[in-house]
Amino acid sequence: MNKALEALTKAVLALPCISIAQDTDIGDIEWNFGYRHHDYKEKPLSKNKSAGEQLSRYDIDVNQFHIAADWNDSASISLDYQREVMSGASPWFTSKNESGDIVQVMSGASIFDTRTDVQLKGAYNNQLGRLGAVTALSNEDDYRSLSFGAELSKDFNNKLTTISIAGDFSNDDINPTDSEIYPTRPDSESKHSTSFLVSLSQVINQKSMAQFSIGYIRNSGFLSDPYKLVQIGFELKGDSRPKRKVAKTLSVRYRYFLTELDSALHFDYRYYWNDWKVKSHTFDLNYVQPLPWETMLKLGVRLYNQDSSFFYQHFYEQERVDGYYSTDYRLSEYGVVSYRLDIAKSLNNITLHASVMRYQSGGNKGLSNANSENPALLDFDLISLGFDYKF
């Protein structure tokens, strides 16, 4: 952990913006400090969908800290720290009850884990455009991830057009707990991820702008879930997925200013597909309205749906020729409807933030129309409180 943080610090100190900052008058720096607390609670599993008495699921408390320095918009650097405390039970495998219905078996004992994330960002404006770099470290009891990324943005057409190119790479080490007790869990594995994103932003007129993006993501290595099992007839096997996944994305963002109401509409759409045969559509609509007393209101709704992967099944009656198995609800066909309300209140140099989100998933939620649904599909509520302070 110490060596990783040392490498993280060296990477940020090597950014061009740091050397610029050393020659800049300290009075030219604008500082920003922020804090958020998130309370995440998953709804219990329904009794008719459970194979046992364990119905409770995850509760997660998250504390986030952010500090940033901006040198007259010519350079910036920021540090983000996040700590999560997780407890509860998670879906283990699916089975059939006496009536032949598919039910969910949950992990027996309550799981307790903590995760710490550290992220450093730097950016610098020069004649080439805006150069940015980021490095991040995530660590928990059984998982460690180190990632690096870079981005270049360039304005054209009197700053009405912007082209951005971004890429990142991550290496994850996986060391599942209790591998000596459960033979389906490996002692140690790793996986790698590489992604690229190219986007074009265009100011259309005084009231609207749009952005178009195309992305590429490649994952390789151990992509199975070491904590999940699959029941094949009367035999239990470990979750088994291909060792490679290639995904592509197409995204559109549109912003429109409503002059009469002094408000704005935000519309986002994303299409995702990968070689596991998972395809998804995400529609995001938000309405932003300034209110009296330096208050900002944001209302949002999101619709999501996806197809199942080619090897996913609710229950396996017999073995597959390719050896791939997973009853993970995240690989099933389902849809989501989520609602969000955000309020921000400015008080001189301090801005207070509060938000509430409700997430509901199901075989027929959103735009999905699945013939049957995974019993572990989840609903959750998320409450967030925090502030930003400029000095």
Protein backbone atom coordinates (compact mmCIF):
# COMPACT_ATOMS: atom_id res chain seq x y z
CA MET A 1 0.00 0.00 0.00
CA ASN A 2 2.76 2.48 0.90
CA LYS A 3 4.71 1.73 -2.30
CA ALA A 4 1.57 2.22 -4.37
CA LEU A 5 0.84 5.58 -2.74
CA GLU A 6 4.45 6.62 -3.26
CA ALA A 7 4.14 5.81 -6.97
CA LEU A 8 0.86 7.69 -7.05
CA THR A 9 2.45 10.82 -5.57
CA LYS A 10 5.42 10.71 -7.95
CA ALA A 11 3.09 10.44 -10.93
CA VAL A 12 1.18 13.57 -9.91
CA LEU A 13 4.34 15.57 -9.11
CA ALA A 14 5.50 14.85 -12.64
CA LEU A 15 2.48 16.59 -14.17
CA PRO A 16 3.20 19.86 -16.00
CA CYS A 17 0.75 21.80 -13.82
CA ILE A 18 2.85 21.17 -10.70
CA SER A 19 5.96 22.86 -12.10
CA ILE A 20 3.80 25.77 -13.28
CA ALA A 21 2.30 26.09 -9.81
CA GLN A 22 5.69 26.37 -8.16
CA ASP A 23 6.33 29.61 -10.08
CA THR A 24 2.89 31.06 -9.44
CA ASP A 25 2.02 33.55 -6.72
CA ILE A 26 0.14 31.74 -3.96
CA GLY A 27 -2.47 34.49 -4.10
CA ASP A 28 -3.49 33.38 -7.59
CA ILE A 29 -4.69 30.00 -6.35
CA GLU A 30 -8.37 29.27 -5.79
CA TRP A 31 -8.93 26.39 -3.39
CA ASN A 32 -11.99 24.19 -3.10
CA PHE A 33 -12.74 21.70 -0.34
CA GLY A 34 -15.71 19.37 -0.50
CA TYR A 35 -17.29 16.62 1.57
CA ARG A 36 -20.10 14.14 0.86
CA HIS A 37 -21.73 11.47 3.00
CA HIS A 38 -23.78 8.80 1.21
CA ASP A 39 -26.18 6.39 2.93
CA TYR A 40 -26.93 3.44 0.64
CA LYS A 41 -29.53 0.81 1.60
CA GLU A 42 -30.67 -2.16 -0.48
CA LYS A 43 -34.23 -3.41 -0.06
CA PRO A 44 -34.55 -6.88 1.52
CA LEU A 45 -35.16 -9.86 -0.73
CA SER A 46 -38.81 -10.92 -1.00
CA LYS A 47 -39.67 -14.09 0.94
CA ASN A 48 -41.17 -15.77 -2.12
CA LYS A 49 -37.87 -15.23 -3.99
CA SER A 50 -35.61 -16.56 -1.25
CA ALA A 51 -34.53 -20.13 -0.58
CA GLY A 52 -33.92 -19.43 3.12
CA GLU A 53 -34.46 -17.02 5.99
CA GLN A 54 -31.70 -14.59 4.96
CA LEU A 55 -33.48 -11.62 3.34
CA SER A 56 -31.36 -8.60 4.24
CA ARG A 57 -28.88 -7.19 1.75
CA TYR A 58 -26.16 -4.54 1.69
CA ASP A 59 -25.97 -1.30 3.66
CA ILE A 60 -23.08 0.98 2.71
CA ASP A 61 -21.84 4.18 4.36
CA VAL A 62 -19.59 6.31 2.17
CA ASN A 63 -17.50 9.34 3.16
CA GLN A 64 -15.89 11.38 0.37
CA PHE A 65 -13.36 14.20 0.66
CA HIS A 66 -12.22 16.46 -2.18
CA ILE A 67 -9.61 19.21 -2.30
CA ALA A 68 -8.60 21.11 -5.45
CA ALA A 69 -6.39 24.03 -6.43
CA ASP A 70 -6.91 26.10 -9.58
CA TRP A 71 -4.25 28.49 -10.88
CA ASN A 72 -6.14 31.16 -12.89
CA ASP A 73 -7.70 28.44 -15.08
CA SER A 74 -4.24 27.67 -16.52
CA ALA A 75 -3.55 24.64 -14.33
CA SER A 76 -5.30 22.60 -11.65
CA ILE A 77 -4.70 19.67 -9.33
CA SER A 78 -7.13 17.76 -7.13
CA LEU A 79 -7.09 14.97 -4.56
CA ASP A 80 -10.10 12.76 -3.81
CA TYR A 81 -10.34 10.33 -0.92
CA GLN A 82 -13.24 7.94 -0.36
CA ARG A 83 -13.90 5.35 2.34
CA GLU A 84 -16.77 2.85 2.20
CA VAL A 85 -17.99 0.61 5.01
CA MET A 86 -20.13 -2.26 3.72
CA SER A 87 -22.17 -4.82 5.64
CA GLY A 88 -24.91 -7.30 4.79
CA ALA A 89 -25.48 -10.36 2.63
CA SER A 90 -25.19 -10.86 -1.11
CA PRO A 91 -26.73 -13.26 -3.68
CA TRP A 92 -24.83 -16.56 -3.79
CA PHE A 93 -26.54 -18.85 -6.32
CA THR A 94 -30.01 -19.70 -7.62
CA SER A 95 -31.89 -22.94 -7.07
CA LYS A 96 -35.29 -24.51 -7.66
CA ASN A 97 -37.80 -24.94 -4.85
CA GLU A 98 -40.32 -27.77 -4.50
CA SER A 99 -42.74 -25.95 -6.81
CA GLY A 100 -40.10 -25.66 -9.53
CA ASP A 101 -39.73 -21.87 -9.09
CA ILE A 102 -36.30 -20.25 -9.28
CA VAL A 103 -35.28 -18.84 -5.88
CA GLN A 104 -32.18 -17.06 -4.59
CA VAL A 105 -29.76 -18.51 -2.06
CA MET A 106 -28.06 -15.69 -0.12
CA SER A 107 -24.65 -15.76 1.54
CA GLY A 108 -25.14 -17.16 5.02
CA ALA A 109 -23.07 -14.96 7.32
CA SER A 110 -23.19 -11.18 7.21
CA ILE A 111 -20.35 -9.74 5.12
CA PHE A 112 -18.30 -6.82 6.48
CA ASP A 113 -15.75 -5.02 4.35
CA THR A 114 -14.15 -1.60 3.89
CA ARG A 115 -12.85 0.01 0.73
CA THR A 116 -10.55 2.99 0.35
CA ASP A 117 -10.14 4.95 -2.89
CA VAL A 118 -7.54 7.66 -3.56
CA GLN A 119 -7.47 9.64 -6.81
CA LEU A 120 -5.13 12.40 -7.99
CA LYS A 121 -5.85 14.57 -11.01
CA GLY A 122 -3.88 17.26 -12.78
CA ALA A 123 -4.59 19.46 -15.81
CA TYR A 124 -2.72 22.13 -17.73
CA ASN A 125 -3.78 24.50 -20.53
CA ASN A 126 -1.29 25.32 -23.29
CA GLN A 127 -1.22 25.90 -27.05
CA LEU A 128 -2.01 22.22 -27.70
CA GLY A 129 -5.19 22.39 -25.64
CA ARG A 130 -6.02 21.11 -22.19
CA LEU A 131 -3.86 18.22 -21.03
CA GLY A 132 -5.07 16.10 -18.12
CA ALA A 133 -3.78 13.09 -16.22
CA VAL A 134 -5.24 10.97 -13.44
CA THR A 135 -4.03 8.11 -11.30
CA ALA A 136 -6.13 6.19 -8.78
CA LEU A 137 -5.73 3.47 -6.19
CA SER A 138 -8.56 1.38 -4.74
CA ASN A 139 -7.95 -1.05 -1.88
CA GLU A 140 -10.14 -3.43 0.13
CA ASP A 141 -9.65 -6.69 2.01
CA ASP A 142 -9.61 -8.87 -1.09
CA TYR A 143 -9.16 -6.45 -3.98
CA ARG A 144 -6.64 -3.85 -5.12
CA SER A 145 -6.79 -1.72 -8.25
CA LEU A 146 -4.27 0.75 -9.68
CA SER A 147 -5.18 2.84 -12.72
CA PHE A 148 -3.73 5.60 -14.88
CA GLY A 149 -5.44 7.84 -17.42
CA ALA A 150 -4.80 10.82 -19.69
CA GLU A 151 -6.93 13.22 -21.74
CA LEU A 152 -6.34 15.88 -24.39
CA SER A 153 -9.04 18.44 -25.29
CA LYS A 154 -8.74 21.03 -28.07
CA ASP A 155 -11.07 23.93 -28.95
CA PHE A 156 -11.81 24.98 -32.52
CA ASN A 157 -14.16 27.31 -34.35
CA ASN A 158 -13.86 30.19 -31.83
CA LYS A 159 -14.32 27.71 -28.97
CA LEU A 160 -17.67 26.54 -30.30
CA THR A 161 -16.28 23.08 -31.09
CA THR A 162 -14.23 20.85 -28.79
CA ILE A 163 -12.62 17.51 -29.57
CA SER A 164 -11.43 15.30 -26.69
CA ILE A 165 -9.43 12.07 -26.65
CA ALA A 166 -9.07 10.09 -23.41
CA GLY A 167 -7.64 6.74 -22.41
CA ASP A 168 -6.94 4.79 -19.24
CA PHE A 169 -5.44 1.52 -18.05
CA SER A 170 -6.03 -0.39 -14.81
CA ASN A 171 -4.55 -3.47 -13.19
CA ASP A 172 -6.57 -5.29 -10.52
CA ASP A 173 -5.30 -7.90 -8.04
CA ILE A 174 -7.93 -10.26 -6.61
CA ASN A 175 -7.32 -12.27 -3.43
CA PRO A 176 -10.64 -13.83 -2.35
CA THR A 177 -11.12 -14.45 1.37
CA ASP A 178 -11.68 -17.99 2.76
CA SER A 179 -10.23 -19.61 -0.37
CA GLU A 180 -8.94 -22.46 1.85
CA ILE A 181 -12.56 -23.21 2.86
CA TYR A 182 -14.25 -22.84 -0.53
CA PRO A 183 -12.37 -24.72 -3.29
CA THR A 184 -14.17 -22.77 -6.04
CA ARG A 185 -12.40 -19.58 -4.94
CA PRO A 186 -8.89 -18.99 -6.33
CA ASP A 187 -6.03 -17.96 -4.04
CA SER A 188 -4.95 -15.08 -6.24
CA GLU A 189 -5.94 -13.73 -9.67
CA SER A 190 -5.66 -10.53 -11.69
CA LYS A 191 -7.44 -8.69 -14.45
CA HIS A 192 -6.64 -5.77 -16.72
CA SER A 193 -8.73 -3.07 -18.34
CA THR A 194 -8.00 -0.62 -21.16
CA SER A 195 -10.43 1.98 -22.47
CA PHE A 196 -10.50 4.83 -24.96
CA LEU A 197 -13.05 7.59 -25.53
CA VAL A 198 -13.30 10.13 -28.35
CA SER A 199 -15.87 12.93 -28.11
CA LEU A 200 -17.00 15.95 -30.11
CA SER A 201 -18.79 18.83 -28.38
CA GLN A 202 -20.59 21.51 -30.39
CA VAL A 203 -22.31 24.74 -29.34
CA ILE A 204 -25.33 24.87 -31.66
CA ASN A 205 -26.70 28.29 -30.69
CA GLN A 206 -27.20 30.47 -27.63
CA LYS A 207 -29.68 27.99 -26.19
CA SER A 208 -28.28 24.56 -26.98
CA MET A 209 -25.20 22.39 -27.26
CA ALA A 210 -24.56 18.72 -28.01
CA GLN A 211 -21.84 16.13 -27.49
CA PHE A 212 -21.21 12.87 -29.36
CA SER A 213 -18.88 10.17 -28.01
CA ILE A 214 -17.62 6.75 -29.00
CA GLY A 215 -15.85 4.44 -26.56
CA TYR A 216 -13.92 1.19 -26.50
CA ILE A 217 -13.29 -0.99 -23.41
CA ARG A 218 -11.26 -4.19 -23.24
CA ASN A 219 -11.13 -6.39 -20.12
CA SER A 220 -8.93 -9.46 -19.81
CA GLY A 221 -7.87 -11.91 -17.11
CA PHE A 222 -10.05 -13.24 -14.30
CA LEU A 223 -13.51 -11.81 -15.03
CA SER A 224 -15.55 -14.35 -13.01
CA ASP A 225 -17.05 -13.57 -9.59
CA PRO A 226 -15.09 -15.70 -7.05
CA TYR A 227 -17.88 -15.46 -4.46
CA LYS A 228 -20.72 -16.77 -6.59
CA LEU A 229 -21.68 -20.38 -7.27
CA VAL A 230 -23.81 -22.06 -9.92
CA GLN A 231 -26.04 -25.07 -9.34
CA ILE A 232 -26.05 -27.53 -12.25
CA GLY A 233 -28.60 -30.19 -11.42
CA PHE A 234 -27.49 -31.22 -7.91
CA GLU A 235 -23.85 -30.11 -8.29
CA LEU A 236 -22.37 -26.75 -7.26
CA LYS A 237 -19.66 -25.14 -9.37
CA GLY A 238 -17.93 -21.79 -9.32
CA ASP A 239 -19.07 -18.85 -11.42
CA SER A 240 -17.16 -19.13 -14.73
CA ARG A 241 -16.94 -16.44 -17.41
CA PRO A 242 -14.77 -15.85 -20.50
CA LYS A 243 -11.33 -14.39 -19.83
CA ARG A 244 -11.87 -11.56 -22.29
CA LYS A 245 -14.58 -8.99 -22.85
CA VAL A 246 -14.60 -6.25 -25.49
CA ALA A 247 -17.25 -3.54 -25.28
CA LYS A 248 -18.14 -0.46 -27.31
CA THR A 249 -20.28 2.57 -26.52
CA LEU A 250 -22.06 5.33 -28.39
CA SER A 251 -23.27 8.36 -26.41
CA VAL A 252 -25.21 11.54 -27.12
CA ARG A 253 -25.65 14.46 -24.75
CA TYR A 254 -27.90 17.45 -25.40
CA ARG A 255 -28.34 20.61 -23.32
CA TYR A 256 -31.14 23.13 -23.94
CA PHE A 257 -31.67 26.41 -22.09
CA LEU A 258 -35.29 27.47 -21.46
CA THR A 259 -35.13 31.27 -21.52
CA GLU A 260 -38.67 31.86 -20.25
CA LEU A 261 -38.10 29.75 -17.12
CA ASP A 262 -34.39 30.49 -16.70
CA SER A 263 -33.88 26.73 -16.52
CA ALA A 264 -32.25 23.93 -18.52
CA LEU A 265 -33.05 20.46 -19.84
CA HIS A 266 -30.31 17.79 -19.96
CA PHE A 267 -30.81 14.72 -22.12
CA ASP A 268 -28.27 11.85 -22.28
CA TYR A 269 -28.43 8.60 -24.22
CA ARG A 270 -25.91 5.73 -24.19
CA TYR A 271 -25.84 2.53 -26.20
CA TYR A 272 -23.53 -0.23 -24.98
CA TRP A 273 -22.72 -3.64 -26.45
CA ASN A 274 -20.06 -6.29 -25.82
CA ASP A 275 -18.97 -9.68 -27.15
CA TRP A 276 -20.75 -11.42 -24.27
CA LYS A 277 -23.91 -10.43 -26.21
CA VAL A 278 -24.97 -7.91 -23.56
CA LYS A 279 -26.62 -4.84 -25.11
CA SER A 280 -28.02 -1.95 -23.12
CA HIS A 281 -29.77 1.39 -23.57
CA THR A 282 -29.64 4.22 -21.02
CA PHE A 283 -31.87 7.31 -21.20
CA ASP A 284 -31.22 10.09 -18.72
CA LEU A 285 -33.43 13.21 -18.49
CA ASN A 286 -32.76 16.03 -16.00
CA TYR A 287 -34.44 19.37 -15.37
CA VAL A 288 -32.35 22.10 -13.69
CA GLN A 289 -34.15 25.07 -12.15
CA PRO A 290 -32.61 28.01 -10.23
CA LEU A 291 -34.75 29.05 -7.26
CA PRO A 292 -34.76 32.15 -5.05
CA TRP A 293 -32.22 32.57 -2.25
CA GLU A 294 -29.28 31.17 -4.25
CA THR A 295 -30.85 27.71 -4.46
CA MET A 296 -30.60 25.22 -7.33
CA LEU A 297 -33.05 22.36 -7.90
CA LYS A 298 -32.39 19.36 -10.15
CA LEU A 299 -34.93 16.63 -10.93
CA GLY A 300 -33.92 13.53 -12.86
CA VAL A 301 -35.25 10.25 -14.17
CA ARG A 302 -33.24 7.42 -15.76
CA LEU A 303 -34.44 4.46 -17.80
CA TYR A 304 -32.17 1.49 -18.43
CA ASN A 305 -32.54 -1.93 -19.99
CA GLN A 306 -30.18 -4.69 -21.08
CA ASP A 307 -30.15 -8.12 -22.71
CA SER A 308 -28.63 -11.12 -20.95
CA SER A 309 -25.18 -12.51 -21.73
CA PHE A 310 -24.97 -15.55 -24.00
CA PHE A 311 -24.01 -17.89 -21.15
CA TYR A 312 -26.37 -16.57 -18.43
CA GLN A 313 -29.27 -18.74 -17.23
CA HIS A 314 -31.62 -18.58 -14.25
CA PHE A 315 -30.81 -22.24 -13.58
CA TYR A 316 -28.70 -24.85 -15.39
CA GLU A 317 -30.26 -28.25 -15.95
CA GLN A 318 -27.07 -29.58 -17.55
CA GLU A 319 -23.48 -28.60 -18.25
CA ARG A 320 -22.57 -26.25 -21.09
CA VAL A 321 -20.09 -27.31 -23.77
CA ASP A 322 -18.09 -24.06 -23.42
CA GLY A 323 -17.86 -24.32 -19.61
CA TYR A 324 -19.26 -20.82 -18.95
CA TYR A 325 -21.84 -20.40 -16.16
CA SER A 326 -23.31 -17.50 -14.22
CA THR A 327 -26.63 -16.78 -12.51
CA ASP A 328 -25.47 -13.28 -11.54
CA TYR A 329 -28.45 -10.92 -11.89
CA ARG A 330 -26.14 -8.28 -13.39
CA LEU A 331 -25.78 -10.49 -16.48
CA SER A 332 -29.52 -11.18 -16.81
CA GLU A 333 -32.14 -9.39 -18.89
CA TYR A 334 -33.72 -6.60 -16.85
CA GLY A 335 -34.66 -2.93 -16.74
CA VAL A 336 -34.27 -0.06 -14.29
CA VAL A 337 -36.20 3.08 -13.41
CA SER A 338 -34.47 5.52 -11.07
CA TYR A 339 -35.52 8.94 -9.76
CA ARG A 340 -33.29 11.61 -8.27
CA LEU A 341 -33.76 14.97 -6.57
CA ASP A 342 -30.81 17.30 -5.88
CA ILE A 343 -30.85 20.61 -4.02
CA ALA A 344 -27.90 23.01 -3.69
CA LYS A 345 -27.92 26.13 -1.52
CA SER A 346 -25.16 28.78 -1.71
CA LEU A 347 -24.11 30.75 1.36
CA ASN A 348 -21.23 33.09 0.45
CA ASN A 349 -18.25 30.73 -0.12
CA ILE A 350 -20.12 27.61 1.02
CA THR A 351 -22.55 25.53 -1.04
CA LEU A 352 -24.68 22.95 0.75
CA HIS A 353 -25.79 19.82 -1.15
CA ALA A 354 -28.54 17.27 -0.52
CA SER A 355 -29.89 14.55 -2.80
CA VAL A 356 -32.24 11.57 -2.70
CA MET A 357 -32.29 8.72 -5.22
CA ARG A 358 -34.57 5.70 -5.60
CA TYR A 359 -33.51 2.80 -7.84
CA GLN A 360 -35.96 0.07 -8.91
CA SER A 361 -35.13 -2.88 -11.16
CA GLY A 362 -37.14 -5.76 -12.60
CA GLY A 363 -37.81 -7.89 -15.64
CA ASN A 364 -40.43 -5.41 -16.86
CA LYS A 365 -38.99 -2.16 -15.49
CA GLY A 366 -37.88 0.68 -17.71
CA LEU A 367 -37.89 -0.44 -21.33
CA SER A 368 -37.33 -4.12 -20.56
CA ASN A 369 -39.82 -6.88 -21.35
CA ALA A 370 -38.15 -10.05 -20.03
CA ASN A 371 -40.15 -13.28 -20.03
CA SER A 372 -38.80 -14.07 -16.53
CA GLU A 373 -36.56 -12.22 -14.11
CA ASN A 374 -33.68 -13.08 -11.83
CA PRO A 375 -34.93 -13.30 -8.19
CA ALA A 376 -31.96 -11.22 -6.94
CA LEU A 377 -32.71 -8.03 -8.90
CA LEU A 378 -32.38 -5.22 -6.44
CA ASP A 379 -34.00 -1.96 -5.36
CA PHE A 380 -32.15 0.59 -3.26
CA ASP A 381 -32.35 4.10 -1.80
CA LEU A 382 -29.45 6.54 -1.68
CA ILE A 383 -29.35 9.68 0.48
CA SER A 384 -26.42 12.11 0.15
CA LEU A 385 -25.46 15.19 2.17
CA GLY A 386 -22.42 17.43 1.81
CA PHE A 387 -20.88 20.81 1.14
CA ASP A 388 -18.29 22.63 -0.99
CA TYR A 389 -16.15 25.47 0.40
CA LYS A 390 -14.11 27.88 -1.77
CA PHE A 391 -11.26 29.89 -0.28
